Amino acid sequence: MDSLNKIRLIDAFVALTISSLAEVKEARKDQDDRIVRESRE
């Protein structure tokens, strides 16, 4: 039972990490797009 809880905890942590990395990547992409747009003007 204890190892199952540990696995669930790790699984939740991994899912959280992946989603936050995806958000960071998305935010960085938006920032890059904005920089490109401003440099074209």
PDB file of N, CA and C in Angstrom:
ATOM      1  N   MET A   1       0.832  -1.202   0.000  1.00  0.00           N
ATOM      2  CA  MET A   1       0.000   0.000   0.000  1.00  0.00           C
ATOM      3  C   MET A   1       0.871   1.257   0.000  1.00  0.00           C
ATOM      4  N   ASP A   2       1.936   1.213   0.780  1.00  0.00           N
ATOM      5  CA  ASP A   2       2.811   2.382   0.871  1.00  0.00           C
ATOM      6  C   ASP A   2       3.487   2.665  -0.473  1.00  0.00           C
ATOM      7  N   SER A   3       3.945   1.609  -1.147  1.00  0.00           N
ATOM      8  CA  SER A   3       4.617   1.804  -2.428  1.00  0.00           C
ATOM      9  C   SER A   3       3.637   2.305  -3.483  1.00  0.00           C
ATOM     10  N   LEU A   4       2.369   1.903  -3.377  1.00  0.00           N
ATOM     11  CA  LEU A   4       1.357   2.380  -4.320  1.00  0.00           C
ATOM     12  C   LEU A   4       1.154   3.887  -4.147  1.00  0.00           C
ATOM     13  N   ASN A   5       1.119   4.350  -2.908  1.00  0.00           N
ATOM     14  CA  ASN A   5       0.973   5.779  -2.641  1.00  0.00           C
ATOM     15  C   ASN A   5       2.180   6.543  -3.173  1.00  0.00           C
ATOM     16  N   LYS A   6       3.353   5.942  -3.029  1.00  0.00           N
ATOM     17  CA  LYS A   6       4.575   6.581  -3.505  1.00  0.00           C
ATOM     18  C   LYS A   6       4.525   6.722  -5.026  1.00  0.00           C
ATOM     19  N   ILE A   7       4.056   5.674  -5.686  1.00  0.00           N
ATOM     20  CA  ILE A   7       3.952   5.700  -7.153  1.00  0.00           C
ATOM     21  C   ILE A   7       2.955   6.772  -7.588  1.00  0.00           C
ATOM     22  N   ARG A   8       1.829   6.854  -6.887  1.00  0.00           N
ATOM     23  CA  ARG A   8       0.828   7.883  -7.213  1.00  0.00           C
ATOM     24  C   ARG A   8       1.408   9.277  -7.039  1.00  0.00           C
ATOM     25  N   LEU A   9       2.178   9.459  -5.979  1.00  0.00           N
ATOM     26  CA  LEU A   9       2.788  10.758  -5.701  1.00  0.00           C
ATOM     27  C   LEU A   9       3.767  11.135  -6.814  1.00  0.00           C
ATOM     28  N   ILE A  10       4.616  10.170  -7.197  1.00  0.00           N
ATOM     29  CA  ILE A  10       5.588  10.396  -8.266  1.00  0.00           C
ATOM     30  C   ILE A  10       4.857  10.699  -9.571  1.00  0.00           C
ATOM     31  N   ASP A  11       3.796   9.936  -9.845  1.00  0.00           N
ATOM     32  CA  ASP A  11       3.016  10.128 -11.064  1.00  0.00           C
ATOM     33  C   ASP A  11       2.419  11.525 -11.114  1.00  0.00           C
ATOM     34  N   ALA A  12       1.863  11.972  -9.996  1.00  0.00           N
ATOM     35  CA  ALA A  12       1.275  13.308  -9.927  1.00  0.00           C
ATOM     36  C   ALA A  12       2.356  14.372 -10.112  1.00  0.00           C
ATOM     37  N   PHE A  13       3.507  14.159  -9.515  1.00  0.00           N
ATOM     38  CA  PHE A  13       4.615  15.105  -9.622  1.00  0.00           C
ATOM     39  C   PHE A  13       5.100  15.213 -11.066  1.00  0.00           C
ATOM     40  N   VAL A  14       5.231  14.060 -11.713  1.00  0.00           N
ATOM     41  CA  VAL A  14       5.677  14.037 -13.117  1.00  0.00           C
ATOM     42  C   VAL A  14       4.665  14.756 -14.010  1.00  0.00           C
ATOM     43  N   ALA A  15       3.382  14.496 -13.786  1.00  0.00           N
ATOM     44  CA  ALA A  15       2.342  15.140 -14.586  1.00  0.00           C
ATOM     45  C   ALA A  15       2.378  16.656 -14.383  1.00  0.00           C
ATOM     46  N   LEU A  16       2.575  17.077 -13.153  1.00  0.00           N
ATOM     47  CA  LEU A  16       2.640  18.499 -12.827  1.00  0.00           C
ATOM     48  C   LEU A  16       3.855  19.139 -13.504  1.00  0.00           C
ATOM     49  N   THR A  17       4.990  18.459 -13.432  1.00  0.00           N
ATOM     50  CA  THR A  17       6.218  18.965 -14.040  1.00  0.00           C
ATOM     51  C   THR A  17       6.060  19.109 -15.545  1.00  0.00           C
ATOM     52  N   ILE A  18       5.475  18.085 -16.176  1.00  0.00           N
ATOM     53  CA  ILE A  18       5.285  18.119 -17.622  1.00  0.00           C
ATOM     54  C   ILE A  18       4.368  19.265 -18.022  1.00  0.00           C
ATOM     55  N   SER A  19       3.276  19.447 -17.285  1.00  0.00           N
ATOM     56  CA  SER A  19       2.338  20.514 -17.634  1.00  0.00           C
ATOM     57  C   SER A  19       2.960  21.890 -17.419  1.00  0.00           C
ATOM     58  N   SER A  20       3.753  22.050 -16.362  1.00  0.00           N
ATOM     59  CA  SER A  20       4.372  23.353 -16.137  1.00  0.00           C
ATOM     60  C   SER A  20       5.456  23.631 -17.172  1.00  0.00           C
ATOM     61  N   LEU A  21       6.168  22.588 -17.617  1.00  0.00           N
ATOM     62  CA  LEU A  21       7.164  22.761 -18.671  1.00  0.00           C
ATOM     63  C   LEU A  21       6.479  23.155 -19.973  1.00  0.00           C
ATOM     64  N   ALA A  22       5.329  22.549 -20.246  1.00  0.00           N
ATOM     65  CA  ALA A  22       4.577  22.877 -21.458  1.00  0.00           C
ATOM     66  C   ALA A  22       4.124  24.337 -21.416  1.00  0.00           C
ATOM     67  N   GLU A  23       3.696  24.803 -20.241  1.00  0.00           N
ATOM     68  CA  GLU A  23       3.271  26.198 -20.095  1.00  0.00           C
ATOM     69  C   GLU A  23       4.435  27.153 -20.329  1.00  0.00           C
ATOM     70  N   VAL A  24       5.593  26.809 -19.777  1.00  0.00           N
ATOM     71  CA  VAL A  24       6.781  27.645 -19.952  1.00  0.00           C
ATOM     72  C   VAL A  24       7.155  27.728 -21.429  1.00  0.00           C
ATOM     73  N   LYS A  25       7.106  26.578 -22.096  1.00  0.00           N
ATOM     74  CA  LYS A  25       7.433  26.518 -23.517  1.00  0.00           C
ATOM     75  C   LYS A  25       6.478  27.388 -24.321  1.00  0.00           C
ATOM     76  N   GLU A  26       5.195  27.308 -24.001  1.00  0.00           N
ATOM     77  CA  GLU A  26       4.161  28.084 -24.682  1.00  0.00           C
ATOM     78  C   GLU A  26       4.382  29.586 -24.458  1.00  0.00           C
ATOM     79  N   ALA A  27       4.677  29.961 -23.220  1.00  0.00           N
ATOM     80  CA  ALA A  27       4.910  31.366 -22.890  1.00  0.00           C
ATOM     81  C   ALA A  27       6.136  31.889 -23.628  1.00  0.00           C
ATOM     82  N   ARG A  28       7.170  31.062 -23.719  1.00  0.00           N
ATOM     83  CA  ARG A  28       8.396  31.472 -24.399  1.00  0.00           C
ATOM     84  C   ARG A  28       8.129  31.657 -25.890  1.00  0.00           C
ATOM     85  N   LYS A  29       7.298  30.778 -26.459  1.00  0.00           N
ATOM     86  CA  LYS A  29       6.943  30.870 -27.872  1.00  0.00           C
ATOM     87  C   LYS A  29       6.181  32.163 -28.143  1.00  0.00           C
ATOM     88  N   ASP A  30       5.241  32.492 -27.259  1.00  0.00           N
ATOM     89  CA  ASP A  30       4.487  33.739 -27.403  1.00  0.00           C
ATOM     90  C   ASP A  30       5.423  34.941 -27.357  1.00  0.00           C
ATOM     91  N   GLN A  31       6.383  34.881 -26.449  1.00  0.00           N
ATOM     92  CA  GLN A  31       7.336  35.975 -26.301  1.00  0.00           C
ATOM     93  C   GLN A  31       8.184  36.110 -27.565  1.00  0.00           C
ATOM     94  N   ASP A  32       8.643  34.977 -28.105  1.00  0.00           N
ATOM     95  CA  ASP A  32       9.436  34.994 -29.329  1.00  0.00           C
ATOM     96  C   ASP A  32       8.638  35.568 -30.488  1.00  0.00           C
ATOM     97  N   ASP A  33       7.359  35.168 -30.590  1.00  0.00           N
ATOM     98  CA  ASP A  33       6.498  35.690 -31.654  1.00  0.00           C
ATOM     99  C   ASP A  33       6.359  37.205 -31.548  1.00  0.00           C
ATOM    100  N   ARG A  34       6.207  37.681 -30.316  1.00  0.00           N
ATOM    101  CA  ARG A  34       6.054  39.121 -30.077  1.00  0.00           C
ATOM    102  C   ARG A  34       7.331  39.862 -30.481  1.00  0.00           C
ATOM    103  N   ILE A  35       8.478  39.294 -30.140  1.00  0.00           N
ATOM    104  CA  ILE A  35       9.765  39.919 -30.471  1.00  0.00           C
ATOM    105  C   ILE A  35       9.926  39.991 -31.991  1.00  0.00           C
ATOM    106  N   VAL A  36       9.572  38.904 -32.672  1.00  0.00           N
ATOM    107  CA  VAL A  36       9.671  38.871 -34.131  1.00  0.00           C
ATOM    108  C   VAL A  36       8.764  39.925 -34.761  1.00  0.00           C
ATOM    109  N   ARG A  37       7.539  40.019 -34.229  1.00  0.00           N
ATOM    110  CA  ARG A  37       6.578  40.997 -34.749  1.00  0.00           C
ATOM    111  C   ARG A  37       7.104  42.420 -34.557  1.00  0.00           C
ATOM    112  N   GLU A  38       7.639  42.705 -33.370  1.00  0.00           N
ATOM    113  CA  GLU A  38       8.135  44.056 -33.086  1.00  0.00           C
ATOM    114  C   GLU A  38       9.342  44.401 -33.940  1.00  0.00           C
ATOM    115  N   SER A  39      10.180  43.432 -34.233  1.00  0.00           N
ATOM    116  CA  SER A  39      11.370  43.707 -35.033  1.00  0.00           C
ATOM    117  C   SER A  39      11.012  43.937 -36.505  1.00  0.00           C
ATOM    118  N   ARG A  40       9.875  43.404 -36.938  1.00  0.00           N
ATOM    119  CA  ARG A  40       9.443  43.607 -38.329  1.00  0.00           C
ATOM    120  C   ARG A  40       8.863  44.999 -38.550  1.00  0.00           C
ATOM    121  N   GLU A  41       8.259  45.553 -37.500  1.00  0.00           N
ATOM    122  CA  GLU A  41       7.603  46.859 -37.645  1.00  0.00           C
ATOM    123  C   GLU A  41       8.602  47.989 -37.843  1.00  0.00           C
TER     124      GLU A  41
END
